[in-house]
Amino acid sequence: MYFYEPAKGHGLPHDPLNAIIGPRPIGWIASLDGQGRQNLAPYSFFNCFNYRPPIIGFASSGWKDSVRNISETKEFVWNLTTRALAVPMNETSASLPHGEDEFARASLTPTASRIIRTPRVAESPVNFECRLSQCIQLTAADGTPVDSWLVLGEVVAVHIDETLLENGIYQTAKAQPVLRAGGPSAYYGISEAQRFDLTRPDNR
């Protein structure tokens, strides 16, 4: 077994943590700053954390524009990244000066949300409109603050392209979601051929 203590370094060409916790869904987050300027950025530390109310979240290394904007406006939109949108999503990861529009850089269309002010990515087949529930600075085990921020939001509205619903069931593979993997440039997709089913055991 390869063993290392993270505080002492991993000793490998690339940190394996991100690859082991994977493949990871992408938090493609749209936000507005206090002046109404648009921002769009992908975060690979992203997931869903609660059913009722539905709560999703992403973590940002550093106080980036998304965190600043959401802290000001108390809202954001998550947009599903599909294989067809992988290249535009990657374009929005560029480090632009505050206030520059990643929608425009990636030739994406901002479209109005139904409940909140922040626009959605029109080209994305699934969008979650969210209101901020918590913004938490992470700490190490000894309580030392870390320059990373966990942003949690309650999903208050959901948009789904109806072609992804079959008999009312959302078809995950049909959406062709893009997932982050290990290494600086690796991504994965999923396919129906990789599906398997397990039935939850009865409580006895």
N, C-alpha and C. Protein backbone atom coordinates (compact mmCIF):
# COMPACT_ATOMS: atom_id res chain seq x y z
N MET A 1 0.84 -1.19 0.00
CA MET A 1 0.00 0.00 0.00
C MET A 1 0.88 1.24 0.00
N TYR A 2 0.59 2.17 -0.89
CA TYR A 2 1.30 3.46 -0.88
C TYR A 2 0.73 4.28 0.27
N PHE A 3 1.59 4.85 1.07
CA PHE A 3 1.17 5.59 2.25
C PHE A 3 1.83 6.96 2.28
N TYR A 4 1.05 7.97 2.64
CA TYR A 4 1.64 9.29 2.88
C TYR A 4 0.78 10.07 3.85
N GLU A 5 1.36 11.04 4.50
CA GLU A 5 0.65 11.97 5.36
C GLU A 5 0.54 13.29 4.60
N PRO A 6 -0.67 13.74 4.29
CA PRO A 6 -0.84 14.94 3.45
C PRO A 6 -0.04 16.15 3.92
N ALA A 7 0.09 16.34 5.22
CA ALA A 7 0.82 17.50 5.72
C ALA A 7 2.29 17.45 5.35
N LYS A 8 2.80 16.26 5.03
CA LYS A 8 4.22 16.08 4.68
C LYS A 8 4.42 15.93 3.18
N GLY A 9 3.33 16.05 2.40
CA GLY A 9 3.42 15.92 0.95
C GLY A 9 3.09 14.51 0.50
N HIS A 10 2.64 14.41 -0.74
CA HIS A 10 2.22 13.10 -1.25
C HIS A 10 3.32 12.37 -2.02
N GLY A 11 4.34 13.11 -2.48
CA GLY A 11 5.45 12.47 -3.17
C GLY A 11 5.13 11.91 -4.54
N LEU A 12 4.03 12.33 -5.13
CA LEU A 12 3.61 11.84 -6.45
C LEU A 12 3.59 13.00 -7.44
N PRO A 13 3.56 12.69 -8.75
CA PRO A 13 3.54 13.78 -9.74
C PRO A 13 2.33 14.69 -9.64
N HIS A 14 1.20 14.14 -9.14
CA HIS A 14 -0.03 14.94 -9.00
C HIS A 14 -0.77 14.45 -7.77
N ASP A 15 -1.34 15.37 -7.01
CA ASP A 15 -2.06 15.02 -5.80
C ASP A 15 -3.18 14.03 -6.12
N PRO A 16 -3.18 12.83 -5.52
CA PRO A 16 -4.18 11.82 -5.88
C PRO A 16 -5.55 12.03 -5.24
N LEU A 17 -5.64 12.94 -4.25
CA LEU A 17 -6.90 13.11 -3.53
C LEU A 17 -8.06 13.38 -4.47
N ASN A 18 -7.86 14.32 -5.40
CA ASN A 18 -8.94 14.68 -6.31
C ASN A 18 -9.36 13.52 -7.20
N ALA A 19 -8.39 12.68 -7.57
CA ALA A 19 -8.69 11.54 -8.44
C ALA A 19 -9.41 10.43 -7.68
N ILE A 20 -9.05 10.25 -6.41
CA ILE A 20 -9.69 9.21 -5.60
C ILE A 20 -11.13 9.58 -5.30
N ILE A 21 -11.38 10.83 -4.95
CA ILE A 21 -12.75 11.29 -4.72
C ILE A 21 -13.32 11.65 -6.08
N GLY A 22 -13.67 10.62 -6.83
CA GLY A 22 -14.10 10.92 -8.18
C GLY A 22 -14.71 9.72 -8.88
N PRO A 23 -15.22 9.95 -10.07
CA PRO A 23 -15.22 11.26 -10.73
C PRO A 23 -16.18 12.22 -10.04
N ARG A 24 -15.81 13.50 -10.04
CA ARG A 24 -16.56 14.51 -9.31
C ARG A 24 -17.44 15.34 -10.24
N PRO A 25 -18.71 15.58 -9.86
CA PRO A 25 -19.55 16.48 -10.66
C PRO A 25 -19.00 17.89 -10.61
N ILE A 26 -19.35 18.67 -11.59
CA ILE A 26 -18.83 20.04 -11.71
C ILE A 26 -19.88 21.04 -11.24
N GLY A 27 -19.45 21.93 -10.37
CA GLY A 27 -20.32 23.03 -9.95
C GLY A 27 -20.09 24.21 -10.88
N TRP A 28 -20.92 24.33 -11.91
CA TRP A 28 -20.79 25.44 -12.86
C TRP A 28 -21.70 26.55 -12.37
N ILE A 29 -21.10 27.53 -11.69
CA ILE A 29 -21.83 28.46 -10.87
C ILE A 29 -21.94 29.84 -11.53
N ALA A 30 -23.17 30.29 -11.72
CA ALA A 30 -23.43 31.65 -12.21
C ALA A 30 -23.79 32.52 -11.02
N SER A 31 -23.28 33.75 -11.04
CA SER A 31 -23.59 34.69 -9.97
C SER A 31 -23.59 36.12 -10.51
N LEU A 32 -24.08 37.02 -9.70
CA LEU A 32 -24.06 38.46 -10.00
C LEU A 32 -23.34 39.16 -8.86
N ASP A 33 -22.58 40.21 -9.19
CA ASP A 33 -22.02 41.02 -8.11
C ASP A 33 -23.04 42.07 -7.69
N GLY A 34 -22.67 42.89 -6.72
CA GLY A 34 -23.60 43.87 -6.19
C GLY A 34 -24.04 44.91 -7.20
N GLN A 35 -23.26 45.05 -8.31
CA GLN A 35 -23.62 46.00 -9.36
C GLN A 35 -24.37 45.33 -10.51
N GLY A 36 -24.66 44.03 -10.37
CA GLY A 36 -25.41 43.32 -11.39
C GLY A 36 -24.56 42.76 -12.52
N ARG A 37 -23.24 42.72 -12.34
CA ARG A 37 -22.36 42.16 -13.37
C ARG A 37 -22.28 40.64 -13.24
N GLN A 38 -22.31 39.96 -14.39
CA GLN A 38 -22.39 38.51 -14.43
C GLN A 38 -21.03 37.86 -14.21
N ASN A 39 -21.08 36.67 -13.59
CA ASN A 39 -19.90 35.85 -13.43
C ASN A 39 -20.30 34.39 -13.62
N LEU A 40 -19.41 33.61 -14.21
CA LEU A 40 -19.68 32.19 -14.43
C LEU A 40 -18.37 31.44 -14.26
N ALA A 41 -18.35 30.44 -13.37
CA ALA A 41 -17.10 29.74 -13.08
C ALA A 41 -17.38 28.29 -12.67
N PRO A 42 -16.50 27.36 -13.07
CA PRO A 42 -16.66 25.96 -12.67
C PRO A 42 -15.86 25.64 -11.41
N TYR A 43 -16.46 24.80 -10.56
CA TYR A 43 -15.81 24.32 -9.34
C TYR A 43 -15.94 22.80 -9.28
N SER A 44 -14.80 22.13 -9.09
CA SER A 44 -14.84 20.66 -9.09
C SER A 44 -15.11 20.07 -7.72
N PHE A 45 -15.08 20.90 -6.66
CA PHE A 45 -15.53 20.45 -5.35
C PHE A 45 -16.98 20.87 -5.21
N PHE A 46 -17.89 19.96 -5.60
CA PHE A 46 -19.31 20.28 -5.68
C PHE A 46 -20.13 19.03 -5.41
N ASN A 47 -21.28 19.20 -4.75
CA ASN A 47 -22.19 18.07 -4.60
C ASN A 47 -23.52 18.52 -3.99
N CYS A 48 -24.42 17.52 -3.82
CA CYS A 48 -25.72 17.74 -3.19
C CYS A 48 -25.63 17.19 -1.77
N PHE A 49 -26.22 17.92 -0.80
CA PHE A 49 -26.04 17.55 0.60
C PHE A 49 -27.34 17.29 1.36
N ASN A 50 -28.48 17.67 0.79
CA ASN A 50 -29.73 17.47 1.53
C ASN A 50 -30.90 17.39 0.55
N TYR A 51 -31.92 16.57 0.96
CA TYR A 51 -33.12 16.41 0.13
C TYR A 51 -34.14 17.51 0.37
N ARG A 52 -34.57 17.65 1.62
CA ARG A 52 -35.67 18.57 1.94
C ARG A 52 -35.28 19.47 3.09
N PRO A 53 -35.03 20.74 2.86
CA PRO A 53 -35.02 21.35 1.53
C PRO A 53 -33.78 20.91 0.76
N PRO A 54 -33.85 20.92 -0.57
CA PRO A 54 -32.67 20.53 -1.34
C PRO A 54 -31.56 21.55 -1.16
N ILE A 55 -30.38 21.07 -0.77
CA ILE A 55 -29.23 21.94 -0.56
C ILE A 55 -28.04 21.40 -1.34
N ILE A 56 -27.45 22.25 -2.16
CA ILE A 56 -26.24 21.91 -2.89
C ILE A 56 -25.12 22.83 -2.42
N GLY A 57 -23.88 22.47 -2.76
CA GLY A 57 -22.79 23.32 -2.32
C GLY A 57 -21.53 23.11 -3.14
N PHE A 58 -20.67 24.11 -3.08
CA PHE A 58 -19.36 24.01 -3.72
C PHE A 58 -18.34 24.66 -2.83
N ALA A 59 -17.08 24.25 -2.99
CA ALA A 59 -15.99 24.83 -2.22
C ALA A 59 -15.06 25.57 -3.15
N SER A 60 -14.61 26.73 -2.69
CA SER A 60 -13.71 27.58 -3.46
C SER A 60 -12.40 27.74 -2.70
N SER A 61 -11.29 27.46 -3.39
CA SER A 61 -9.97 27.71 -2.81
C SER A 61 -9.68 29.20 -2.98
N GLY A 62 -9.84 29.94 -1.92
CA GLY A 62 -9.68 31.39 -1.97
C GLY A 62 -11.01 32.10 -2.10
N TRP A 63 -11.01 33.37 -1.73
CA TRP A 63 -12.21 34.21 -1.78
C TRP A 63 -12.35 34.74 -3.21
N LYS A 64 -12.86 33.88 -4.09
CA LYS A 64 -12.96 34.22 -5.51
C LYS A 64 -14.24 34.99 -5.80
N ASP A 65 -14.35 35.43 -7.06
CA ASP A 65 -15.49 36.27 -7.42
C ASP A 65 -16.82 35.61 -7.11
N SER A 66 -16.94 34.30 -7.35
CA SER A 66 -18.21 33.63 -7.09
C SER A 66 -18.60 33.76 -5.63
N VAL A 67 -17.65 33.52 -4.72
CA VAL A 67 -17.94 33.59 -3.29
C VAL A 67 -18.28 35.03 -2.90
N ARG A 68 -17.50 35.98 -3.39
CA ARG A 68 -17.77 37.39 -3.10
C ARG A 68 -19.16 37.79 -3.58
N ASN A 69 -19.48 37.41 -4.81
CA ASN A 69 -20.78 37.79 -5.38
C ASN A 69 -21.94 37.19 -4.59
N ILE A 70 -21.83 35.89 -4.31
CA ILE A 70 -22.92 35.20 -3.61
C ILE A 70 -23.10 35.75 -2.20
N SER A 71 -21.99 36.11 -1.57
CA SER A 71 -22.08 36.70 -0.23
C SER A 71 -22.81 38.04 -0.28
N GLU A 72 -22.67 38.77 -1.40
CA GLU A 72 -23.34 40.06 -1.54
C GLU A 72 -24.81 39.91 -1.90
N THR A 73 -25.10 39.04 -2.86
CA THR A 73 -26.46 38.97 -3.41
C THR A 73 -27.32 37.86 -2.79
N LYS A 74 -26.66 36.89 -2.12
CA LYS A 74 -27.35 35.79 -1.44
C LYS A 74 -28.05 34.83 -2.42
N GLU A 75 -27.51 34.70 -3.64
CA GLU A 75 -28.12 33.79 -4.60
C GLU A 75 -27.10 33.36 -5.64
N PHE A 76 -27.40 32.23 -6.32
CA PHE A 76 -26.58 31.76 -7.43
C PHE A 76 -27.36 30.71 -8.22
N VAL A 77 -26.82 30.35 -9.39
CA VAL A 77 -27.41 29.30 -10.22
C VAL A 77 -26.35 28.24 -10.50
N TRP A 78 -26.73 26.99 -10.30
CA TRP A 78 -25.90 25.88 -10.76
C TRP A 78 -26.39 25.43 -12.12
N ASN A 79 -25.45 25.21 -13.05
CA ASN A 79 -25.77 24.78 -14.41
C ASN A 79 -25.08 23.46 -14.71
N LEU A 80 -25.82 22.50 -15.24
CA LEU A 80 -25.24 21.20 -15.57
C LEU A 80 -24.25 21.34 -16.73
N THR A 81 -23.05 20.79 -16.55
CA THR A 81 -22.06 20.74 -17.62
C THR A 81 -22.20 19.42 -18.36
N THR A 82 -22.49 19.49 -19.66
CA THR A 82 -22.61 18.30 -20.49
C THR A 82 -21.39 18.19 -21.40
N ARG A 83 -21.30 17.06 -22.10
CA ARG A 83 -20.16 16.89 -23.01
C ARG A 83 -20.12 17.99 -24.06
N ALA A 84 -21.27 18.39 -24.55
CA ALA A 84 -21.32 19.43 -25.58
C ALA A 84 -20.89 20.79 -25.03
N LEU A 85 -20.95 20.95 -23.72
CA LEU A 85 -20.61 22.23 -23.11
C LEU A 85 -19.25 22.21 -22.40
N ALA A 86 -18.50 21.13 -22.55
CA ALA A 86 -17.23 20.98 -21.84
C ALA A 86 -16.23 22.09 -22.21
N VAL A 87 -16.11 22.38 -23.49
CA VAL A 87 -15.14 23.40 -23.92
C VAL A 87 -15.56 24.79 -23.42
N PRO A 88 -16.82 25.21 -23.60
CA PRO A 88 -17.22 26.50 -23.03
C PRO A 88 -17.05 26.54 -21.51
N MET A 89 -17.38 25.43 -20.83
CA MET A 89 -17.18 25.40 -19.38
C MET A 89 -15.72 25.67 -19.03
N ASN A 90 -14.82 25.03 -19.76
CA ASN A 90 -13.39 25.21 -19.51
C ASN A 90 -12.97 26.66 -19.76
N GLU A 91 -13.57 27.29 -20.76
CA GLU A 91 -13.27 28.70 -21.03
C GLU A 91 -13.62 29.59 -19.85
N THR A 92 -14.68 29.23 -19.15
CA THR A 92 -15.11 30.07 -18.02
C THR A 92 -14.22 29.88 -16.79
N SER A 93 -13.25 28.96 -16.87
CA SER A 93 -12.32 28.78 -15.75
C SER A 93 -11.15 29.76 -15.82
N ALA A 94 -11.07 30.54 -16.90
CA ALA A 94 -9.97 31.51 -17.03
C ALA A 94 -10.05 32.56 -15.92
N SER A 95 -8.89 32.99 -15.46
CA SER A 95 -8.82 34.03 -14.43
C SER A 95 -8.96 35.41 -15.08
N LEU A 96 -10.16 35.95 -15.03
CA LEU A 96 -10.43 37.26 -15.62
C LEU A 96 -10.48 38.32 -14.53
N PRO A 97 -10.22 39.56 -14.89
CA PRO A 97 -10.38 40.65 -13.92
C PRO A 97 -11.82 40.70 -13.41
N HIS A 98 -11.98 41.11 -12.15
CA HIS A 98 -13.31 41.20 -11.57
C HIS A 98 -14.21 42.10 -12.42
N GLY A 99 -15.40 41.58 -12.73
CA GLY A 99 -16.35 42.35 -13.52
C GLY A 99 -16.41 41.95 -14.98
N GLU A 100 -15.38 41.25 -15.48
CA GLU A 100 -15.44 40.78 -16.87
C GLU A 100 -16.39 39.60 -16.97
N ASP A 101 -17.05 39.47 -18.11
CA ASP A 101 -18.17 38.55 -18.27
C ASP A 101 -17.71 37.23 -18.90
N GLU A 102 -17.74 36.15 -18.11
CA GLU A 102 -17.38 34.83 -18.64
C GLU A 102 -18.43 34.29 -19.61
N PHE A 103 -19.68 34.71 -19.46
CA PHE A 103 -20.69 34.31 -20.45
C PHE A 103 -20.25 34.75 -21.84
N ALA A 104 -19.83 36.01 -21.95
CA ALA A 104 -19.41 36.55 -23.23
C ALA A 104 -18.14 35.88 -23.72
N ARG A 105 -17.18 35.65 -22.83
CA ARG A 105 -15.92 35.02 -23.22
C ARG A 105 -16.16 33.65 -23.85
N ALA A 106 -17.10 32.87 -23.27
CA ALA A 106 -17.36 31.51 -23.73
C ALA A 106 -18.50 31.43 -24.74
N SER A 107 -18.99 32.59 -25.20
CA SER A 107 -20.10 32.65 -26.17
C SER A 107 -21.32 31.87 -25.68
N LEU A 108 -21.64 32.05 -24.41
CA LEU A 108 -22.81 31.42 -23.81
C LEU A 108 -23.92 32.46 -23.63
N THR A 109 -25.15 31.97 -23.57
CA THR A 109 -26.30 32.86 -23.51
C THR A 109 -26.87 32.93 -22.11
N PRO A 110 -26.81 34.09 -21.45
CA PRO A 110 -27.50 34.22 -20.16
C PRO A 110 -29.00 34.36 -20.40
N THR A 111 -29.77 33.60 -19.65
CA THR A 111 -31.22 33.68 -19.78
C THR A 111 -31.82 33.86 -18.39
N ALA A 112 -32.95 34.53 -18.32
CA ALA A 112 -33.53 34.91 -17.04
C ALA A 112 -33.96 33.69 -16.23
N SER A 113 -33.70 33.75 -14.94
CA SER A 113 -34.23 32.77 -14.02
C SER A 113 -35.68 33.13 -13.70
N ARG A 114 -36.38 32.22 -13.01
CA ARG A 114 -37.79 32.46 -12.71
C ARG A 114 -38.00 33.13 -11.36
N ILE A 115 -37.13 32.82 -10.37
CA ILE A 115 -37.34 33.29 -9.02
C ILE A 115 -36.27 34.27 -8.57
N ILE A 116 -35.02 34.02 -8.95
CA ILE A 116 -33.93 34.89 -8.52
C ILE A 116 -33.45 35.76 -9.68
N ARG A 117 -32.60 36.75 -9.39
CA ARG A 117 -32.12 37.68 -10.41
C ARG A 117 -30.99 37.09 -11.26
N THR A 118 -30.20 36.20 -10.70
CA THR A 118 -29.03 35.66 -11.40
C THR A 118 -29.47 34.86 -12.63
N PRO A 119 -28.84 35.10 -13.79
CA PRO A 119 -29.22 34.39 -15.00
C PRO A 119 -28.70 32.96 -15.03
N ARG A 120 -29.37 32.14 -15.84
CA ARG A 120 -28.96 30.76 -16.08
C ARG A 120 -28.16 30.69 -17.38
N VAL A 121 -27.46 29.57 -17.59
CA VAL A 121 -26.84 29.29 -18.88
C VAL A 121 -27.91 28.65 -19.76
N ALA A 122 -28.32 29.35 -20.79
CA ALA A 122 -29.42 28.87 -21.63
C ALA A 122 -29.08 27.55 -22.31
N GLU A 123 -27.81 27.35 -22.66
CA GLU A 123 -27.42 26.14 -23.37
C GLU A 123 -27.39 24.90 -22.48
N SER A 124 -27.40 25.09 -21.17
CA SER A 124 -27.36 23.95 -20.25
C SER A 124 -28.76 23.37 -20.08
N PRO A 125 -28.90 22.03 -20.11
CA PRO A 125 -30.24 21.42 -20.04
C PRO A 125 -30.83 21.33 -18.64
N VAL A 126 -30.02 21.61 -17.62
CA VAL A 126 -30.52 21.58 -16.24
C VAL A 126 -29.93 22.76 -15.48
N ASN A 127 -30.79 23.48 -14.75
CA ASN A 127 -30.32 24.61 -13.94
C ASN A 127 -31.02 24.57 -12.59
N PHE A 128 -30.28 24.88 -11.53
CA PHE A 128 -30.85 25.03 -10.19
C PHE A 128 -30.71 26.48 -9.76
N GLU A 129 -31.83 27.14 -9.49
CA GLU A 129 -31.78 28.47 -8.90
C GLU A 129 -31.65 28.29 -7.39
N CYS A 130 -30.67 28.97 -6.79
CA CYS A 130 -30.37 28.75 -5.38
C CYS A 130 -30.31 30.06 -4.61
N ARG A 131 -30.72 29.98 -3.35
CA ARG A 131 -30.52 31.07 -2.40
C ARG A 131 -29.51 30.62 -1.37
N LEU A 132 -28.60 31.50 -1.03
CA LEU A 132 -27.54 31.18 -0.09
C LEU A 132 -28.11 30.77 1.26
N SER A 133 -27.64 29.63 1.77
CA SER A 133 -28.02 29.23 3.13
C SER A 133 -26.86 29.39 4.10
N GLN A 134 -25.64 29.06 3.66
CA GLN A 134 -24.47 29.23 4.51
C GLN A 134 -23.23 29.47 3.64
N CYS A 135 -22.31 30.28 4.18
CA CYS A 135 -20.98 30.45 3.59
C CYS A 135 -20.00 30.24 4.73
N ILE A 136 -19.25 29.15 4.67
CA ILE A 136 -18.45 28.69 5.80
C ILE A 136 -16.97 28.67 5.42
N GLN A 137 -16.14 29.33 6.22
CA GLN A 137 -14.72 29.20 6.03
C GLN A 137 -14.27 27.89 6.66
N LEU A 138 -13.55 27.07 5.90
CA LEU A 138 -13.10 25.79 6.40
C LEU A 138 -11.94 25.97 7.38
N THR A 139 -11.79 24.99 8.25
CA THR A 139 -10.69 25.00 9.21
C THR A 139 -9.99 23.65 9.20
N ALA A 140 -8.73 23.65 9.61
CA ALA A 140 -8.01 22.40 9.82
C ALA A 140 -8.51 21.74 11.10
N ALA A 141 -8.03 20.52 11.37
CA ALA A 141 -8.49 19.79 12.55
C ALA A 141 -8.18 20.53 13.85
N ASP A 142 -7.13 21.34 13.83
CA ASP A 142 -6.77 22.08 15.05
C ASP A 142 -7.49 23.42 15.16
N GLY A 143 -8.40 23.69 14.23
CA GLY A 143 -9.17 24.93 14.27
C GLY A 143 -8.56 26.08 13.49
N THR A 144 -7.39 25.87 12.89
CA THR A 144 -6.75 26.92 12.11
C THR A 144 -7.56 27.21 10.86
N PRO A 145 -7.92 28.47 10.60
CA PRO A 145 -8.68 28.79 9.38
C PRO A 145 -7.90 28.45 8.12
N VAL A 146 -8.61 27.93 7.12
CA VAL A 146 -8.06 27.58 5.82
C VAL A 146 -8.62 28.57 4.80
N ASP A 147 -7.82 28.94 3.81
CA ASP A 147 -8.28 29.88 2.79
C ASP A 147 -9.15 29.17 1.75
N SER A 148 -10.20 28.51 2.24
CA SER A 148 -11.19 27.84 1.40
C SER A 148 -12.56 28.09 1.99
N TRP A 149 -13.54 28.19 1.12
CA TRP A 149 -14.89 28.57 1.55
C TRP A 149 -15.91 27.60 0.97
N LEU A 150 -16.78 27.08 1.83
CA LEU A 150 -17.87 26.21 1.42
C LEU A 150 -19.14 27.03 1.31
N VAL A 151 -19.70 27.07 0.12
CA VAL A 151 -20.92 27.83 -0.14
C VAL A 151 -22.07 26.85 -0.31
N LEU A 152 -23.07 26.96 0.54
CA LEU A 152 -24.24 26.09 0.49
C LEU A 152 -25.46 26.90 0.11
N GLY A 153 -26.28 26.34 -0.77
CA GLY A 153 -27.46 27.06 -1.21
C GLY A 153 -28.68 26.17 -1.28
N GLU A 154 -29.82 26.71 -0.90
CA GLU A 154 -31.08 25.98 -1.04
C GLU A 154 -31.59 26.13 -2.46
N VAL A 155 -31.92 25.01 -3.08
CA VAL A 155 -32.46 25.03 -4.44
C VAL A 155 -33.92 25.44 -4.36
N VAL A 156 -34.24 26.59 -4.95
CA VAL A 156 -35.61 27.11 -4.88
C VAL A 156 -36.35 26.97 -6.20
N ALA A 157 -35.65 26.58 -7.26
CA ALA A 157 -36.29 26.36 -8.56
C ALA A 157 -35.39 25.46 -9.40
N VAL A 158 -36.02 24.57 -10.16
CA VAL A 158 -35.30 23.60 -10.99
C VAL A 158 -35.82 23.68 -12.42
N HIS A 159 -34.90 23.74 -13.38
CA HIS A 159 -35.23 23.72 -14.80
C HIS A 159 -34.63 22.46 -15.42
N ILE A 160 -35.44 21.64 -16.09
CA ILE A 160 -34.97 20.41 -16.72
C ILE A 160 -35.49 20.34 -18.14
N ASP A 161 -34.59 20.13 -19.09
CA ASP A 161 -34.99 19.87 -20.47
C ASP A 161 -35.84 18.60 -20.49
N GLU A 162 -37.06 18.69 -21.00
CA GLU A 162 -37.99 17.57 -20.91
C GLU A 162 -37.53 16.35 -21.69
N THR A 163 -36.59 16.50 -22.63
CA THR A 163 -36.07 15.33 -23.35
C THR A 163 -35.28 14.41 -22.42
N LEU A 164 -34.91 14.91 -21.24
CA LEU A 164 -34.15 14.09 -20.29
C LEU A 164 -35.06 13.34 -19.32
N LEU A 165 -36.37 13.52 -19.47
CA LEU A 165 -37.34 12.82 -18.63
C LEU A 165 -38.05 11.74 -19.44
N GLU A 166 -37.99 10.50 -18.95
CA GLU A 166 -38.69 9.38 -19.58
C GLU A 166 -39.62 8.76 -18.54
N ASN A 167 -40.93 8.85 -18.80
CA ASN A 167 -41.93 8.39 -17.83
C ASN A 167 -41.72 9.06 -16.47
N GLY A 168 -41.30 10.33 -16.52
CA GLY A 168 -41.11 11.09 -15.31
C GLY A 168 -39.80 10.82 -14.58
N ILE A 169 -38.94 9.96 -15.13
CA ILE A 169 -37.66 9.62 -14.51
C ILE A 169 -36.54 10.34 -15.23
N TYR A 170 -35.73 11.08 -14.49
CA TYR A 170 -34.59 11.78 -15.09
C TYR A 170 -33.54 10.77 -15.53
N GLN A 171 -33.07 10.91 -16.76
CA GLN A 171 -32.10 9.99 -17.35
C GLN A 171 -30.70 10.58 -17.27
N THR A 172 -29.97 10.17 -16.25
CA THR A 172 -28.66 10.75 -15.97
C THR A 172 -27.71 10.62 -17.15
N ALA A 173 -27.58 9.42 -17.70
CA ALA A 173 -26.62 9.20 -18.78
C ALA A 173 -27.00 9.94 -20.05
N LYS A 174 -28.31 10.07 -20.30
CA LYS A 174 -28.76 10.75 -21.51
C LYS A 174 -28.32 12.21 -21.54
N ALA A 175 -28.16 12.81 -20.38
CA ALA A 175 -27.72 14.20 -20.31
C ALA A 175 -26.24 14.35 -20.65
N GLN A 176 -25.49 13.25 -20.64
CA GLN A 176 -24.05 13.26 -20.92
C GLN A 176 -23.29 14.24 -20.02
N PRO A 177 -23.45 14.08 -18.69
CA PRO A 177 -22.74 14.97 -17.79
C PRO A 177 -21.23 14.77 -17.87
N VAL A 178 -20.51 15.84 -17.62
CA VAL A 178 -19.05 15.80 -17.59
C VAL A 178 -18.61 15.80 -16.13
N LEU A 179 -17.65 14.94 -15.82
CA LEU A 179 -17.17 14.76 -14.46
C LEU A 179 -15.67 14.98 -14.40
N ARG A 180 -15.21 15.61 -13.36
CA ARG A 180 -13.79 15.91 -13.21
C ARG A 180 -13.06 14.69 -12.68
N ALA A 181 -11.84 14.49 -13.15
CA ALA A 181 -11.04 13.34 -12.73
C ALA A 181 -9.68 13.81 -12.24
N GLY A 182 -8.74 12.87 -12.07
CA GLY A 182 -7.40 13.20 -11.60
C GLY A 182 -6.57 13.83 -12.70
N GLY A 183 -5.46 14.42 -12.30
CA GLY A 183 -4.60 15.09 -13.27
C GLY A 183 -5.11 16.47 -13.61
N PRO A 184 -4.28 17.27 -14.21
CA PRO A 184 -4.65 18.67 -14.47
C PRO A 184 -5.65 18.87 -15.60
N SER A 185 -5.88 17.85 -16.43
CA SER A 185 -6.73 18.06 -17.60
C SER A 185 -7.76 16.95 -17.83
N ALA A 186 -7.88 15.98 -16.93
CA ALA A 186 -8.72 14.80 -17.18
C ALA A 186 -10.18 15.02 -16.78
N TYR A 187 -11.05 14.62 -17.69
CA TYR A 187 -12.49 14.61 -17.45
C TYR A 187 -13.03 13.26 -17.91
N TYR A 188 -14.23 12.91 -17.44
CA TYR A 188 -14.89 11.69 -17.87
C TYR A 188 -16.35 11.99 -18.18
N GLY A 189 -16.92 11.12 -19.01
CA GLY A 189 -18.35 11.10 -19.22
C GLY A 189 -18.89 9.79 -18.68
N ILE A 190 -20.19 9.61 -18.72
CA ILE A 190 -20.79 8.33 -18.35
C ILE A 190 -21.71 7.89 -19.47
N SER A 191 -22.00 6.60 -19.51
CA SER A 191 -22.88 6.08 -20.55
C SER A 191 -23.84 5.07 -19.94
N GLU A 192 -24.95 4.82 -20.65
CA GLU A 192 -25.93 3.86 -20.19
C GLU A 192 -25.33 2.46 -20.09
N ALA A 193 -24.32 2.17 -20.94
CA ALA A 193 -23.69 0.85 -20.93
C ALA A 193 -23.00 0.56 -19.60
N GLN A 194 -22.67 1.60 -18.85
CA GLN A 194 -21.98 1.42 -17.58
C GLN A 194 -22.94 1.31 -16.40
N ARG A 195 -24.23 1.38 -16.67
CA ARG A 195 -25.21 1.35 -15.60
C ARG A 195 -25.34 -0.04 -14.98
N PHE A 196 -25.55 -0.08 -13.67
CA PHE A 196 -25.99 -1.29 -12.99
C PHE A 196 -26.93 -0.89 -11.87
N ASP A 197 -27.78 -1.80 -11.43
CA ASP A 197 -28.80 -1.51 -10.44
C ASP A 197 -28.61 -2.36 -9.19
N LEU A 198 -28.84 -1.75 -8.04
CA LEU A 198 -28.83 -2.44 -6.76
C LEU A 198 -30.09 -2.06 -6.00
N THR A 199 -30.73 -3.03 -5.39
CA THR A 199 -31.91 -2.79 -4.57
C THR A 199 -31.49 -2.67 -3.12
N ARG A 200 -31.92 -1.63 -2.45
CA ARG A 200 -31.57 -1.44 -1.04
C ARG A 200 -32.13 -2.59 -0.22
N PRO A 201 -31.30 -3.19 0.66
CA PRO A 201 -31.80 -4.32 1.45
C PRO A 201 -32.87 -3.91 2.43
N ASP A 202 -33.77 -4.87 2.76
CA ASP A 202 -34.80 -4.63 3.75
C ASP A 202 -34.16 -4.48 5.13
N ASN A 203 -34.78 -3.64 5.97
CA ASN A 203 -34.33 -3.54 7.35
C ASN A 203 -34.82 -4.75 8.14
N ARG A 204 -33.90 -5.46 8.76
CA ARG A 204 -34.27 -6.67 9.51
C ARG A 204 -33.61 -6.65 10.88
